[in-house]
Amino acid sequence: MGVFIHEWARCEAQSRCSVGIDQFADWSSGSRRTAYNRLREFRESFPGVSTPSDLIVWPDGHPAPEAVERIDWTAALA
């Protein structure tokens, strides 16, 4: 699940904004079906959370490519 959230963050960073499942699926190297299955599994793991965007805390308050590796994953996933 952590990999999925990290990939979602990378997609947001490249887009420089929050993304939805369709934008993530287009960005991802996997199939659209795989992206939707991963989101379903995410929602099962985090009840009440719509997308990984709701968990990602960007260091400077907004998605940016240089910020992906500075995300405090411990705090974001707590």
C-alpha atoms as a PDB file:
ATOM      1  CA  MET A   1       0.000   0.000   0.000  1.00  0.00           C
ATOM      2  CA  GLY A   2       2.896   2.325   0.731  1.00  0.00           C
ATOM      3  CA  VAL A   3       4.143   1.923  -2.849  1.00  0.00           C
ATOM      4  CA  PHE A   4       0.721   2.887  -4.212  1.00  0.00           C
ATOM      5  CA  ILE A   5       0.630   6.019  -2.055  1.00  0.00           C
ATOM      6  CA  HIS A   6       4.179   6.932  -3.074  1.00  0.00           C
ATOM      7  CA  GLU A   7       3.334   6.456  -6.758  1.00  0.00           C
ATOM      8  CA  TRP A   8       0.254   8.634  -6.277  1.00  0.00           C
ATOM      9  CA  ALA A   9       2.487  11.316  -4.740  1.00  0.00           C
ATOM     10  CA  ARG A  10       4.879  11.103  -7.695  1.00  0.00           C
ATOM     11  CA  CYS A  11       1.945  11.528 -10.082  1.00  0.00           C
ATOM     12  CA  GLU A  12       0.723  14.571  -8.142  1.00  0.00           C
ATOM     13  CA  ALA A  13       4.224  16.005  -8.061  1.00  0.00           C
ATOM     14  CA  GLN A  14       4.565  15.762 -11.831  1.00  0.00           C
ATOM     15  CA  SER A  15       1.068  17.215 -12.301  1.00  0.00           C
ATOM     16  CA  ARG A  16       1.707  19.851  -9.601  1.00  0.00           C
ATOM     17  CA  CYS A  17      -1.850  19.379  -8.281  1.00  0.00           C
ATOM     18  CA  SER A  18      -4.085  16.799  -6.638  1.00  0.00           C
ATOM     19  CA  VAL A  19      -5.134  14.056  -9.024  1.00  0.00           C
ATOM     20  CA  GLY A  20      -8.027  11.651  -9.327  1.00  0.00           C
ATOM     21  CA  ILE A  21      -8.041   7.997 -10.279  1.00  0.00           C
ATOM     22  CA  ASP A  22      -8.378   8.640 -14.013  1.00  0.00           C
ATOM     23  CA  GLN A  23      -5.375  10.941 -14.099  1.00  0.00           C
ATOM     24  CA  PHE A  24      -3.398   8.483 -11.966  1.00  0.00           C
ATOM     25  CA  ALA A  25      -4.384   5.590 -14.256  1.00  0.00           C
ATOM     26  CA  ASP A  26      -3.213   7.549 -17.318  1.00  0.00           C
ATOM     27  CA  TRP A  27       0.083   8.342 -15.580  1.00  0.00           C
ATOM     28  CA  SER A  28       0.682   4.842 -14.215  1.00  0.00           C
ATOM     29  CA  SER A  29       2.599   2.199 -16.120  1.00  0.00           C
ATOM     30  CA  GLY A  30      -0.059  -0.369 -15.202  1.00  0.00           C
ATOM     31  CA  SER A  31      -3.477  -0.866 -16.709  1.00  0.00           C
ATOM     32  CA  ARG A  32      -6.494   1.255 -15.848  1.00  0.00           C
ATOM     33  CA  ARG A  33      -8.053  -1.827 -14.257  1.00  0.00           C
ATOM     34  CA  THR A  34      -4.998  -2.283 -12.033  1.00  0.00           C
ATOM     35  CA  ALA A  35      -5.184   1.367 -10.941  1.00  0.00           C
ATOM     36  CA  TYR A  36      -8.847   0.985  -9.971  1.00  0.00           C
ATOM     37  CA  ASN A  37      -8.141  -2.280  -8.128  1.00  0.00           C
ATOM     38  CA  ARG A  38      -5.321  -0.632  -6.199  1.00  0.00           C
ATOM     39  CA  LEU A  39      -7.609   2.265  -5.257  1.00  0.00           C
ATOM     40  CA  ARG A  40     -10.248  -0.215  -4.063  1.00  0.00           C
ATOM     41  CA  GLU A  41      -7.633  -1.951  -1.899  1.00  0.00           C
ATOM     42  CA  PHE A  42      -6.498   1.440  -0.613  1.00  0.00           C
ATOM     43  CA  ARG A  43     -10.039   2.331   0.422  1.00  0.00           C
ATOM     44  CA  GLU A  44     -10.389  -1.011   2.187  1.00  0.00           C
ATOM     45  CA  SER A  45      -7.155  -0.305   4.081  1.00  0.00           C
ATOM     46  CA  PHE A  46      -8.103   3.293   4.913  1.00  0.00           C
ATOM     47  CA  PRO A  47     -11.887   3.376   5.491  1.00  0.00           C
ATOM     48  CA  GLY A  48     -13.357   6.820   4.981  1.00  0.00           C
ATOM     49  CA  VAL A  49     -10.384   8.073   2.951  1.00  0.00           C
ATOM     50  CA  SER A  50     -11.218   8.741  -0.685  1.00  0.00           C
ATOM     51  CA  THR A  51      -7.772   8.834  -2.329  1.00  0.00           C
ATOM     52  CA  PRO A  52      -4.120   8.929  -1.281  1.00  0.00           C
ATOM     53  CA  SER A  53      -4.281  12.701  -1.837  1.00  0.00           C
ATOM     54  CA  ASP A  54      -6.131  12.878   1.476  1.00  0.00           C
ATOM     55  CA  LEU A  55      -3.125  11.373   3.298  1.00  0.00           C
ATOM     56  CA  ILE A  56      -0.234  13.111   1.560  1.00  0.00           C
ATOM     57  CA  VAL A  57       1.189  16.067   3.463  1.00  0.00           C
ATOM     58  CA  TRP A  58       3.395  18.079   1.114  1.00  0.00           C
ATOM     59  CA  PRO A  59       6.415  19.769   2.787  1.00  0.00           C
ATOM     60  CA  ASP A  60       5.724  23.154   1.168  1.00  0.00           C
ATOM     61  CA  GLY A  61       1.960  22.735   1.070  1.00  0.00           C
ATOM     62  CA  HIS A  62       1.705  21.846  -2.621  1.00  0.00           C
ATOM     63  CA  PRO A  63       2.815  19.019  -4.916  1.00  0.00           C
ATOM     64  CA  ALA A  64       6.197  19.546  -6.545  1.00  0.00           C
ATOM     65  CA  PRO A  65       8.713  17.109  -8.081  1.00  0.00           C
ATOM     66  CA  GLU A  66      11.491  18.180  -5.741  1.00  0.00           C
ATOM     67  CA  ALA A  67       9.253  17.602  -2.711  1.00  0.00           C
ATOM     68  CA  VAL A  68       8.411  13.904  -3.198  1.00  0.00           C
ATOM     69  CA  GLU A  69      11.466  12.631  -1.353  1.00  0.00           C
ATOM     70  CA  ARG A  70      10.961  15.148   1.470  1.00  0.00           C
ATOM     71  CA  ILE A  71       7.482  13.931   2.416  1.00  0.00           C
ATOM     72  CA  ASP A  72       7.375  12.809   6.028  1.00  0.00           C
ATOM     73  CA  TRP A  73       5.787   9.430   5.318  1.00  0.00           C
ATOM     74  CA  THR A  74       5.544   8.551   8.992  1.00  0.00           C
ATOM     75  CA  ALA A  75       3.447  11.614   9.736  1.00  0.00           C
ATOM     76  CA  ALA A  76       1.449  11.354   6.534  1.00  0.00           C
ATOM     77  CA  LEU A  77       0.460   7.740   7.177  1.00  0.00           C
ATOM     78  CA  ALA A  78      -0.178   8.111  10.897  1.00  0.00           C
END
